[in-house]
Amino acid sequence: NFWHVDRTVIITGVVKSLKLVNPHPELVVEVTTEEGTVETWTITGRATGTGILRAGWNIDTVPVGVTVTVDGNPSRREGARALAAGRIIFEDGNEVWFGGGGGIPAG
């Protein structure tokens, strides 16, 4: 397993890109730390690309430039800024699922 499934990390940042691809969709988020450093995080969806498209996702589901909060399991690779995530929360409190919940199975 690539992920620490027993740990959860929560990040908030600005969406830089979204790829709805197999085997898993990918979201890139820029997070500004408390020190003012900008970190690039790669978020891997728990769903397959096909599964998330079947659930109604399109490239505008999580638009580039919006601020989101993502909770997910961190990578096992030391120092990696990567999460396997299910839930993505928008600033207005609405949420979508990147697989593993919200009616979208993990793949």
PDB file of N, CA and C in Angstrom:
ATOM      1  N   ASN A   1       0.840  -1.187   0.000  1.00  0.00           N
ATOM      2  CA  ASN A   1       0.000   0.000   0.000  1.00  0.00           C
ATOM      3  C   ASN A   1       0.886   1.253   0.000  1.00  0.00           C
ATOM      4  N   PHE A   2       0.539   2.208  -0.841  1.00  0.00           N
ATOM      5  CA  PHE A   2       1.303   3.452  -0.969  1.00  0.00           C
ATOM      6  C   PHE A   2       0.974   4.461   0.122  1.00  0.00           C
ATOM      7  N   TRP A   3      -0.116   4.226   0.862  1.00  0.00           N
ATOM      8  CA  TRP A   3      -0.657   5.251   1.754  1.00  0.00           C
ATOM      9  C   TRP A   3      -0.704   4.781   3.200  1.00  0.00           C
ATOM     10  N   HIS A   4      -0.564   5.718   4.135  1.00  0.00           N
ATOM     11  CA  HIS A   4      -0.764   5.442   5.561  1.00  0.00           C
ATOM     12  C   HIS A   4      -2.266   5.503   5.817  1.00  0.00           C
ATOM     13  N   VAL A   5      -2.951   4.377   5.705  1.00  0.00           N
ATOM     14  CA  VAL A   5      -4.412   4.371   5.827  1.00  0.00           C
ATOM     15  C   VAL A   5      -4.884   4.623   7.253  1.00  0.00           C
ATOM     16  N   ASP A   6      -3.954   4.566   8.214  1.00  0.00           N
ATOM     17  CA  ASP A   6      -4.299   4.805   9.616  1.00  0.00           C
ATOM     18  C   ASP A   6      -4.066   6.260  10.019  1.00  0.00           C
ATOM     19  N   ARG A   7      -3.677   7.122   9.061  1.00  0.00           N
ATOM     20  CA  ARG A   7      -3.420   8.534   9.356  1.00  0.00           C
ATOM     21  C   ARG A   7      -4.247   9.408   8.423  1.00  0.00           C
ATOM     22  N   THR A   8      -4.649  10.565   8.928  1.00  0.00           N
ATOM     23  CA  THR A   8      -5.373  11.535   8.107  1.00  0.00           C
ATOM     24  C   THR A   8      -4.655  12.872   8.180  1.00  0.00           C
ATOM     25  N   VAL A   9      -4.496  13.499   7.024  1.00  0.00           N
ATOM     26  CA  VAL A   9      -3.917  14.829   6.929  1.00  0.00           C
ATOM     27  C   VAL A   9      -4.962  15.716   6.258  1.00  0.00           C
ATOM     28  N   ILE A  10      -5.109  16.935   6.767  1.00  0.00           N
ATOM     29  CA  ILE A  10      -6.060  17.886   6.181  1.00  0.00           C
ATOM     30  C   ILE A  10      -5.264  19.076   5.654  1.00  0.00           C
ATOM     31  N   ILE A  11      -5.493  19.411   4.376  1.00  0.00           N
ATOM     32  CA  ILE A  11      -4.825  20.566   3.780  1.00  0.00           C
ATOM     33  C   ILE A  11      -5.878  21.504   3.183  1.00  0.00           C
ATOM     34  N   THR A  12      -5.537  22.773   3.091  1.00  0.00           N
ATOM     35  CA  THR A  12      -6.381  23.752   2.414  1.00  0.00           C
ATOM     36  C   THR A  12      -5.500  24.532   1.464  1.00  0.00           C
ATOM     37  N   GLY A  13      -5.966  24.654   0.217  1.00  0.00           N
ATOM     38  CA  GLY A  13      -5.180  25.374  -0.771  1.00  0.00           C
ATOM     39  C   GLY A  13      -5.974  25.659  -2.027  1.00  0.00           C
ATOM     40  N   VAL A  14      -5.267  26.178  -3.022  1.00  0.00           N
ATOM     41  CA  VAL A  14      -5.873  26.591  -4.280  1.00  0.00           C
ATOM     42  C   VAL A  14      -5.638  25.520  -5.339  1.00  0.00           C
ATOM     43  N   VAL A  15      -6.702  25.136  -6.026  1.00  0.00           N
ATOM     44  CA  VAL A  15      -6.615  24.115  -7.074  1.00  0.00           C
ATOM     45  C   VAL A  15      -5.808  24.654  -8.250  1.00  0.00           C
ATOM     46  N   LYS A  16      -4.786  23.890  -8.668  1.00  0.00           N
ATOM     47  CA  LYS A  16      -3.952  24.256  -9.804  1.00  0.00           C
ATOM     48  C   LYS A  16      -4.297  23.416 -11.040  1.00  0.00           C
ATOM     49  N   SER A  17      -4.712  22.162 -10.839  1.00  0.00           N
ATOM     50  CA  SER A  17      -5.098  21.330 -11.978  1.00  0.00           C
ATOM     51  C   SER A  17      -5.929  20.145 -11.504  1.00  0.00           C
ATOM     52  N   LEU A  18      -6.692  19.598 -12.443  1.00  0.00           N
ATOM     53  CA  LEU A  18      -7.494  18.400 -12.202  1.00  0.00           C
ATOM     54  C   LEU A  18      -7.386  17.535 -13.440  1.00  0.00           C
ATOM     55  N   LYS A  19      -7.022  16.262 -13.249  1.00  0.00           N
ATOM     56  CA  LYS A  19      -6.957  15.302 -14.349  1.00  0.00           C
ATOM     57  C   LYS A  19      -7.903  14.158 -14.022  1.00  0.00           C
ATOM     58  N   LEU A  20      -8.873  13.923 -14.893  1.00  0.00           N
ATOM     59  CA  LEU A  20      -9.835  12.837 -14.704  1.00  0.00           C
ATOM     60  C   LEU A  20      -9.380  11.658 -15.540  1.00  0.00           C
ATOM     61  N   VAL A  21      -8.374  10.946 -15.040  1.00  0.00           N
ATOM     62  CA  VAL A  21      -7.703   9.886 -15.790  1.00  0.00           C
ATOM     63  C   VAL A  21      -7.716   8.574 -15.011  1.00  0.00           C
ATOM     64  N   ASN A  22      -7.478   7.475 -15.722  1.00  0.00           N
ATOM     65  CA  ASN A  22      -7.256   6.182 -15.082  1.00  0.00           C
ATOM     66  C   ASN A  22      -5.760   6.013 -14.851  1.00  0.00           C
ATOM     67  N   PRO A  23      -5.300   5.273 -13.852  1.00  0.00           N
ATOM     68  CA  PRO A  23      -6.161   4.502 -12.973  1.00  0.00           C
ATOM     69  C   PRO A  23      -6.876   5.344 -11.923  1.00  0.00           C
ATOM     70  N   HIS A  24      -6.310   6.500 -11.543  1.00  0.00           N
ATOM     71  CA  HIS A  24      -6.956   7.339 -10.538  1.00  0.00           C
ATOM     72  C   HIS A  24      -6.885   8.806 -10.956  1.00  0.00           C
ATOM     73  N   PRO A  25      -7.955   9.565 -10.708  1.00  0.00           N
ATOM     74  CA  PRO A  25      -7.913  10.996 -10.998  1.00  0.00           C
ATOM     75  C   PRO A  25      -6.918  11.692 -10.075  1.00  0.00           C
ATOM     76  N   GLU A  26      -6.441  12.853 -10.534  1.00  0.00           N
ATOM     77  CA  GLU A  26      -5.412  13.563  -9.779  1.00  0.00           C
ATOM     78  C   GLU A  26      -5.734  15.050  -9.707  1.00  0.00           C
ATOM     79  N   LEU A  27      -5.588  15.592  -8.509  1.00  0.00           N
ATOM     80  CA  LEU A  27      -5.817  16.998  -8.237  1.00  0.00           C
ATOM     81  C   LEU A  27      -4.503  17.575  -7.707  1.00  0.00           C
ATOM     82  N   VAL A  28      -4.112  18.749  -8.203  1.00  0.00           N
ATOM     83  CA  VAL A  28      -2.916  19.415  -7.683  1.00  0.00           C
ATOM     84  C   VAL A  28      -3.377  20.677  -6.962  1.00  0.00           C
ATOM     85  N   VAL A  29      -2.924  20.826  -5.708  1.00  0.00           N
ATOM     86  CA  VAL A  29      -3.341  21.932  -4.855  1.00  0.00           C
ATOM     87  C   VAL A  29      -2.096  22.638  -4.327  1.00  0.00           C
ATOM     88  N   GLU A  30      -2.098  23.971  -4.404  1.00  0.00           N
ATOM     89  CA  GLU A  30      -1.015  24.765  -3.804  1.00  0.00           C
ATOM     90  C   GLU A  30      -1.444  25.228  -2.428  1.00  0.00           C
ATOM     91  N   VAL A  31      -0.658  24.864  -1.430  1.00  0.00           N
ATOM     92  CA  VAL A  31      -0.937  25.188  -0.034  1.00  0.00           C
ATOM     93  C   VAL A  31       0.090  26.207   0.441  1.00  0.00           C
ATOM     94  N   THR A  32      -0.384  27.312   1.024  1.00  0.00           N
ATOM     95  CA  THR A  32       0.521  28.292   1.618  1.00  0.00           C
ATOM     96  C   THR A  32       0.618  27.996   3.111  1.00  0.00           C
ATOM     97  N   THR A  33       1.824  27.707   3.581  1.00  0.00           N
ATOM     98  CA  THR A  33       2.033  27.364   4.989  1.00  0.00           C
ATOM     99  C   THR A  33       1.940  28.610   5.855  1.00  0.00           C
ATOM    100  N   GLU A  34       1.903  28.401   7.156  1.00  0.00           N
ATOM    101  CA  GLU A  34       1.872  29.523   8.100  1.00  0.00           C
ATOM    102  C   GLU A  34       3.103  30.405   7.951  1.00  0.00           C
ATOM    103  N   GLU A  35       4.215  29.822   7.495  1.00  0.00           N
ATOM    104  CA  GLU A  35       5.454  30.585   7.295  1.00  0.00           C
ATOM    105  C   GLU A  35       5.461  31.334   5.968  1.00  0.00           C
ATOM    106  N   GLY A  36       4.427  31.115   5.132  1.00  0.00           N
ATOM    107  CA  GLY A  36       4.346  31.801   3.853  1.00  0.00           C
ATOM    108  C   GLY A  36       4.946  31.040   2.680  1.00  0.00           C
ATOM    109  N   THR A  37       5.436  29.835   2.939  1.00  0.00           N
ATOM    110  CA  THR A  37       5.988  28.997   1.878  1.00  0.00           C
ATOM    111  C   THR A  37       4.843  28.348   1.109  1.00  0.00           C
ATOM    112  N   VAL A  38       4.983  28.256  -0.215  1.00  0.00           N
ATOM    113  CA  VAL A  38       3.967  27.594  -1.025  1.00  0.00           C
ATOM    114  C   VAL A  38       4.422  26.167  -1.322  1.00  0.00           C
ATOM    115  N   GLU A  39       3.567  25.206  -0.975  1.00  0.00           N
ATOM    116  CA  GLU A  39       3.843  23.790  -1.216  1.00  0.00           C
ATOM    117  C   GLU A  39       2.855  23.264  -2.253  1.00  0.00           C
ATOM    118  N   THR A  40       3.346  22.418  -3.148  1.00  0.00           N
ATOM    119  CA  THR A  40       2.478  21.778  -4.128  1.00  0.00           C
ATOM    120  C   THR A  40       2.155  20.367  -3.639  1.00  0.00           C
ATOM    121  N   TRP A  41       0.862  20.094  -3.489  1.00  0.00           N
ATOM    122  CA  TRP A  41       0.387  18.792  -3.040  1.00  0.00           C
ATOM    123  C   TRP A  41      -0.324  18.085  -4.190  1.00  0.00           C
ATOM    124  N   THR A  42      -0.069  16.792  -4.325  1.00  0.00           N
ATOM    125  CA  THR A  42      -0.746  15.967  -5.316  1.00  0.00           C
ATOM    126  C   THR A  42      -1.759  15.090  -4.594  1.00  0.00           C
ATOM    127  N   ILE A  43      -3.012  15.190  -5.030  1.00  0.00           N
ATOM    128  CA  ILE A  43      -4.094  14.444  -4.411  1.00  0.00           C
ATOM    129  C   ILE A  43      -4.549  13.369  -5.386  1.00  0.00           C
ATOM    130  N   THR A  44      -4.461  12.116  -4.982  1.00  0.00           N
ATOM    131  CA  THR A  44      -4.905  11.004  -5.805  1.00  0.00           C
ATOM    132  C   THR A  44      -6.297  10.595  -5.345  1.00  0.00           C
ATOM    133  N   GLY A  45      -7.219  10.512  -6.287  1.00  0.00           N
ATOM    134  CA  GLY A  45      -8.579  10.107  -5.946  1.00  0.00           C
ATOM    135  C   GLY A  45      -8.639   8.638  -5.576  1.00  0.00           C
ATOM    136  N   ARG A  46      -9.539   8.299  -4.680  1.00  0.00           N
ATOM    137  CA  ARG A  46      -9.737   6.893  -4.321  1.00  0.00           C
ATOM    138  C   ARG A  46     -10.533   6.158  -5.395  1.00  0.00           C
ATOM    139  N   ALA A  47     -11.277   6.909  -6.202  1.00  0.00           N
ATOM    140  CA  ALA A  47     -12.036   6.318  -7.305  1.00  0.00           C
ATOM    141  C   ALA A  47     -11.114   6.085  -8.498  1.00  0.00           C
ATOM    142  N   THR A  48     -11.598   5.318  -9.465  1.00  0.00           N
ATOM    143  CA  THR A  48     -10.927   5.246 -10.756  1.00  0.00           C
ATOM    144  C   THR A  48     -11.375   6.442 -11.586  1.00  0.00           C
ATOM    145  N   GLY A  49     -10.633   6.759 -12.614  1.00  0.00           N
ATOM    146  CA  GLY A  49     -11.041   7.827 -13.517  1.00  0.00           C
ATOM    147  C   GLY A  49     -12.395   7.539 -14.138  1.00  0.00           C
ATOM    148  N   THR A  50     -12.593   6.295 -14.562  1.00  0.00           N
ATOM    149  CA  THR A  50     -13.874   5.895 -15.157  1.00  0.00           C
ATOM    150  C   THR A  50     -15.001   6.024 -14.144  1.00  0.00           C
ATOM    151  N   GLY A  51     -14.753   5.582 -12.917  1.00  0.00           N
ATOM    152  CA  GLY A  51     -15.778   5.633 -11.873  1.00  0.00           C
ATOM    153  C   GLY A  51     -16.207   7.049 -11.551  1.00  0.00           C
ATOM    154  N   ILE A  52     -15.260   7.960 -11.525  1.00  0.00           N
ATOM    155  CA  ILE A  52     -15.596   9.340 -11.171  1.00  0.00           C
ATOM    156  C   ILE A  52     -16.345  10.026 -12.315  1.00  0.00           C
ATOM    157  N   LEU A  53     -16.007   9.679 -13.557  1.00  0.00           N
ATOM    158  CA  LEU A  53     -16.747  10.218 -14.704  1.00  0.00           C
ATOM    159  C   LEU A  53     -18.180   9.678 -14.714  1.00  0.00           C
ATOM    160  N   ARG A  54     -18.328   8.406 -14.404  1.00  0.00           N
ATOM    161  CA  ARG A  54     -19.674   7.804 -14.328  1.00  0.00           C
ATOM    162  C   ARG A  54     -20.518   8.452 -13.244  1.00  0.00           C
ATOM    163  N   ALA A  55     -19.854   8.943 -12.190  1.00  0.00           N
ATOM    164  CA  ALA A  55     -20.573   9.593 -11.083  1.00  0.00           C
ATOM    165  C   ALA A  55     -20.964  11.032 -11.431  1.00  0.00           C
ATOM    166  N   GLY A  56     -20.605  11.482 -12.639  1.00  0.00           N
ATOM    167  CA  GLY A  56     -21.031  12.804 -13.078  1.00  0.00           C
ATOM    168  C   GLY A  56     -19.981  13.895 -13.017  1.00  0.00           C
ATOM    169  N   TRP A  57     -18.760  13.541 -12.620  1.00  0.00           N
ATOM    170  CA  TRP A  57     -17.695  14.544 -12.587  1.00  0.00           C
ATOM    171  C   TRP A  57     -17.356  15.011 -13.998  1.00  0.00           C
ATOM    172  N   ASN A  58     -16.943  16.280 -14.088  1.00  0.00           N
ATOM    173  CA  ASN A  58     -16.314  16.786 -15.298  1.00  0.00           C
ATOM    174  C   ASN A  58     -15.220  17.750 -14.859  1.00  0.00           C
ATOM    175  N   ILE A  59     -14.523  18.325 -15.798  1.00  0.00           N
ATOM    176  CA  ILE A  59     -13.367  19.155 -15.485  1.00  0.00           C
ATOM    177  C   ILE A  59     -13.735  20.388 -14.654  1.00  0.00           C
ATOM    178  N   ASP A  60     -15.023  20.758 -14.652  1.00  0.00           N
ATOM    179  CA  ASP A  60     -15.472  21.920 -13.883  1.00  0.00           C
ATOM    180  C   ASP A  60     -16.023  21.565 -12.499  1.00  0.00           C
ATOM    181  N   THR A  61     -16.000  20.286 -12.136  1.00  0.00           N
ATOM    182  CA  THR A  61     -16.511  19.891 -10.816  1.00  0.00           C
ATOM    183  C   THR A  61     -15.689  20.548  -9.709  1.00  0.00           C
ATOM    184  N   VAL A  62     -14.380  20.587  -9.890  1.00  0.00           N
ATOM    185  CA  VAL A  62     -13.476  21.284  -8.969  1.00  0.00           C
ATOM    186  C   VAL A  62     -12.627  22.220  -9.835  1.00  0.00           C
ATOM    187  N   PRO A  63     -13.104  23.464 -10.040  1.00  0.00           N
ATOM    188  CA  PRO A  63     -12.432  24.362 -10.984  1.00  0.00           C
ATOM    189  C   PRO A  63     -11.058  24.840 -10.511  1.00  0.00           C
ATOM    190  N   VAL A  64     -10.161  25.022 -11.468  1.00  0.00           N
ATOM    191  CA  VAL A  64      -8.855  25.625 -11.185  1.00  0.00           C
ATOM    192  C   VAL A  64      -9.100  27.012 -10.590  1.00  0.00           C
ATOM    193  N   GLY A  65      -8.349  27.335  -9.526  1.00  0.00           N
ATOM    194  CA  GLY A  65      -8.442  28.653  -8.899  1.00  0.00           C
ATOM    195  C   GLY A  65      -9.291  28.716  -7.647  1.00  0.00           C
ATOM    196  N   VAL A  66     -10.110  27.678  -7.408  1.00  0.00           N
ATOM    197  CA  VAL A  66     -10.921  27.706  -6.187  1.00  0.00           C
ATOM    198  C   VAL A  66     -10.099  27.173  -5.013  1.00  0.00           C
ATOM    199  N   THR A  67     -10.500  27.586  -3.808  1.00  0.00           N
ATOM    200  CA  THR A  67      -9.866  27.096  -2.587  1.00  0.00           C
ATOM    201  C   THR A  67     -10.670  25.917  -2.061  1.00  0.00           C
ATOM    202  N   VAL A  68      -9.960  24.842  -1.752  1.00  0.00           N
ATOM    203  CA  VAL A  68     -10.604  23.631  -1.240  1.00  0.00           C
ATOM    204  C   VAL A  68      -9.853  23.131  -0.013  1.00  0.00           C
ATOM    205  N   THR A  69     -10.567  22.351   0.798  1.00  0.00           N
ATOM    206  CA  THR A  69      -9.958  21.611   1.898  1.00  0.00           C
ATOM    207  C   THR A  69     -10.087  20.135   1.556  1.00  0.00           C
ATOM    208  N   VAL A  70      -8.988  19.421   1.709  1.00  0.00           N
ATOM    209  CA  VAL A  70      -8.949  18.004   1.356  1.00  0.00           C
ATOM    210  C   VAL A  70      -8.485  17.232   2.574  1.00  0.00           C
ATOM    211  N   ASP A  71      -9.220  16.163   2.912  1.00  0.00           N
ATOM    212  CA  ASP A  71      -8.687  15.277   3.941  1.00  0.00           C
ATOM    213  C   ASP A  71      -8.397  13.939   3.294  1.00  0.00           C
ATOM    214  N   GLY A  72      -7.229  13.402   3.629  1.00  0.00           N
ATOM    215  CA  GLY A  72      -6.826  12.147   3.013  1.00  0.00           C
ATOM    216  C   GLY A  72      -5.710  11.477   3.779  1.00  0.00           C
ATOM    217  N   ASN A  73      -5.316  10.324   3.256  1.00  0.00           N
ATOM    218  CA  ASN A  73      -4.250   9.540   3.864  1.00  0.00           C
ATOM    219  C   ASN A  73      -2.920   9.911   3.205  1.00  0.00           C
ATOM    220  N   PRO A  74      -1.900  10.206   4.030  1.00  0.00           N
ATOM    221  CA  PRO A  74      -0.615  10.635   3.472  1.00  0.00           C
ATOM    222  C   PRO A  74       0.163   9.491   2.825  1.00  0.00           C
ATOM    223  N   SER A  75       1.046   9.882   1.911  1.00  0.00           N
ATOM    224  CA  SER A  75       1.932   8.937   1.245  1.00  0.00           C
ATOM    225  C   SER A  75       2.876   8.299   2.257  1.00  0.00           C
ATOM    226  N   ARG A  76       3.261   7.062   1.985  1.00  0.00           N
ATOM    227  CA  ARG A  76       4.274   6.396   2.804  1.00  0.00           C
ATOM    228  C   ARG A  76       5.678   6.882   2.452  1.00  0.00           C
ATOM    229  N   ARG A  77       5.825   7.532   1.298  1.00  0.00           N
ATOM    230  CA  ARG A  77       7.127   8.032   0.870  1.00  0.00           C
ATOM    231  C   ARG A  77       7.508   9.237   1.717  1.00  0.00           C
ATOM    232  N   GLU A  78       8.626   9.143   2.394  1.00  0.00           N
ATOM    233  CA  GLU A  78       9.079  10.196   3.306  1.00  0.00           C
ATOM    234  C   GLU A  78       9.221  11.521   2.565  1.00  0.00           C
ATOM    235  N   GLY A  79       8.621  12.581   3.126  1.00  0.00           N
ATOM    236  CA  GLY A  79       8.744  13.912   2.553  1.00  0.00           C
ATOM    237  C   GLY A  79       7.804  14.217   1.405  1.00  0.00           C
ATOM    238  N   ALA A  80       7.048  13.228   0.953  1.00  0.00           N
ATOM    239  CA  ALA A  80       6.134  13.458  -0.172  1.00  0.00           C
ATOM    240  C   ALA A  80       4.951  14.310   0.273  1.00  0.00           C
ATOM    241  N   ARG A  81       4.549  15.215  -0.591  1.00  0.00           N
ATOM    242  CA  ARG A  81       3.345  16.013  -0.339  1.00  0.00           C
ATOM    243  C   ARG A  81       2.243  15.416  -1.202  1.00  0.00           C
ATOM    244  N   ALA A  82       1.728  14.296  -0.724  1.00  0.00           N
ATOM    245  CA  ALA A  82       0.743  13.551  -1.503  1.00  0.00           C
ATOM    246  C   ALA A  82      -0.282  12.912  -0.567  1.00  0.00           C
ATOM    247  N   LEU A  83      -1.535  12.912  -1.020  1.00  0.00           N
ATOM    248  CA  LEU A  83      -2.623  12.312  -0.247  1.00  0.00           C
ATOM    249  C   LEU A  83      -3.465  11.432  -1.160  1.00  0.00           C
ATOM    250  N   ALA A  84      -3.993  10.355  -0.593  1.00  0.00           N
ATOM    251  CA  ALA A  84      -5.076   9.602  -1.228  1.00  0.00           C
ATOM    252  C   ALA A  84      -6.340  10.108  -0.555  1.00  0.00           C
ATOM    253  N   ALA A  85      -7.216  10.718  -1.337  1.00  0.00           N
ATOM    254  CA  ALA A  85      -8.314  11.437  -0.716  1.00  0.00           C
ATOM    255  C   ALA A  85      -9.669  10.991  -1.224  1.00  0.00           C
ATOM    256  N   GLY A  86     -10.638  11.194  -0.361  1.00  0.00           N
ATOM    257  CA  GLY A  86     -12.020  10.977  -0.697  1.00  0.00           C
ATOM    258  C   GLY A  86     -12.767  12.293  -0.778  1.00  0.00           C
ATOM    259  N   ARG A  87     -12.821  13.020   0.327  1.00  0.00           N
ATOM    260  CA  ARG A  87     -13.683  14.205   0.420  1.00  0.00           C
ATOM    261  C   ARG A  87     -12.925  15.491   0.079  1.00  0.00           C
ATOM    262  N   ILE A  88     -13.573  16.323  -0.731  1.00  0.00           N
ATOM    263  CA  ILE A  88     -13.065  17.647  -1.077  1.00  0.00           C
ATOM    264  C   ILE A  88     -14.146  18.640  -0.673  1.00  0.00           C
ATOM    265  N   ILE A  89     -13.780  19.620   0.160  1.00  0.00           N
ATOM    266  CA  ILE A  89     -14.758  20.571   0.715  1.00  0.00           C
ATOM    267  C   ILE A  89     -14.458  21.963   0.158  1.00  0.00           C
ATOM    268  N   PHE A  90     -15.501  22.612  -0.370  1.00  0.00           N
ATOM    269  CA  PHE A  90     -15.367  23.971  -0.885  1.00  0.00           C
ATOM    270  C   PHE A  90     -15.531  24.979   0.254  1.00  0.00           C
ATOM    271  N   GLU A  91     -15.151  26.227   0.004  1.00  0.00           N
ATOM    272  CA  GLU A  91     -15.225  27.267   1.033  1.00  0.00           C
ATOM    273  C   GLU A  91     -16.645  27.492   1.536  1.00  0.00           C
ATOM    274  N   ASP A  92     -17.648  27.249   0.680  1.00  0.00           N
ATOM    275  CA  ASP A  92     -19.040  27.453   1.102  1.00  0.00           C
ATOM    276  C   ASP A  92     -19.608  26.263   1.874  1.00  0.00           C
ATOM    277  N   GLY A  93     -18.766  25.230   2.113  1.00  0.00           N
ATOM    278  CA  GLY A  93     -19.199  24.063   2.875  1.00  0.00           C
ATOM    279  C   GLY A  93     -19.698  22.915   2.013  1.00  0.00           C
ATOM    280  N   ASN A  94     -19.974  23.168   0.736  1.00  0.00           N
ATOM    281  CA  ASN A  94     -20.356  22.064  -0.151  1.00  0.00           C
ATOM    282  C   ASN A  94     -19.178  21.123  -0.307  1.00  0.00           C
ATOM    283  N   GLU A  95     -19.481  19.865  -0.584  1.00  0.00           N
ATOM    284  CA  GLU A  95     -18.408  18.895  -0.739  1.00  0.00           C
ATOM    285  C   GLU A  95     -18.698  17.966  -1.903  1.00  0.00           C
ATOM    286  N   VAL A  96     -17.633  17.423  -2.458  1.00  0.00           N
ATOM    287  CA  VAL A  96     -17.704  16.381  -3.472  1.00  0.00           C
ATOM    288  C   VAL A  96     -16.770  15.265  -3.031  1.00  0.00           C
ATOM    289  N   TRP A  97     -16.966  14.098  -3.591  1.00  0.00           N
ATOM    290  CA  TRP A  97     -16.148  12.951  -3.208  1.00  0.00           C
ATOM    291  C   TRP A  97     -15.266  12.528  -4.365  1.00  0.00           C
ATOM    292  N   PHE A  98     -14.012  12.273  -4.062  1.00  0.00           N
ATOM    293  CA  PHE A  98     -12.998  11.837  -5.013  1.00  0.00           C
ATOM    294  C   PHE A  98     -12.892  10.311  -4.958  1.00  0.00           C
ATOM    295  N   GLY A  99     -13.968   9.673  -4.464  1.00  0.00           N
ATOM    296  CA  GLY A  99     -14.023   8.210  -4.337  1.00  0.00           C
ATOM    297  C   GLY A  99     -13.992   7.776  -2.893  1.00  0.00           C
ATOM    298  N   GLY A 100     -14.609   6.636  -2.613  1.00  0.00           N
ATOM    299  CA  GLY A 100     -14.613   6.091  -1.272  1.00  0.00           C
ATOM    300  C   GLY A 100     -15.721   6.632  -0.386  1.00  0.00           C
ATOM    301  N   GLY A 101     -16.643   7.394  -0.970  1.00  0.00           N
ATOM    302  CA  GLY A 101     -17.772   7.951  -0.235  1.00  0.00           C
ATOM    303  C   GLY A 101     -18.632   8.750  -1.192  1.00  0.00           C
ATOM    304  N   GLY A 102     -19.737   9.275  -0.687  1.00  0.00           N
ATOM    305  CA  GLY A 102     -20.597  10.085  -1.516  1.00  0.00           C
ATOM    306  C   GLY A 102     -21.179   9.327  -2.704  1.00  0.00           C
ATOM    307  N   GLY A 103     -21.272   8.010  -2.569  1.00  0.00           N
ATOM    308  CA  GLY A 103     -21.817   7.200  -3.646  1.00  0.00           C
ATOM    309  C   GLY A 103     -20.821   6.855  -4.732  1.00  0.00           C
ATOM    310  N   ILE A 104     -19.559   7.257  -4.571  1.00  0.00           N
ATOM    311  CA  ILE A 104     -18.517   6.947  -5.562  1.00  0.00           C
ATOM    312  C   ILE A 104     -17.575   5.925  -4.930  1.00  0.00           C
ATOM    313  N   PRO A 105     -17.569   4.700  -5.456  1.00  0.00           N
ATOM    314  CA  PRO A 105     -16.727   3.661  -4.833  1.00  0.00           C
ATOM    315  C   PRO A 105     -15.245   3.932  -5.015  1.00  0.00           C
ATOM    316  N   ALA A 106     -14.473   3.431  -4.071  1.00  0.00           N
ATOM    317  CA  ALA A 106     -13.021   3.448  -4.217  1.00  0.00           C
ATOM    318  C   ALA A 106     -12.654   2.410  -5.274  1.00  0.00           C
ATOM    319  N   GLY A 107     -11.624   2.692  -6.056  1.00  0.00           N
ATOM    320  CA  GLY A 107     -11.292   1.789  -7.150  1.00  0.00           C
ATOM    321  C   GLY A 107      -9.950   1.151  -7.040  1.00  0.00           C
TER     322      GLY A 107
END
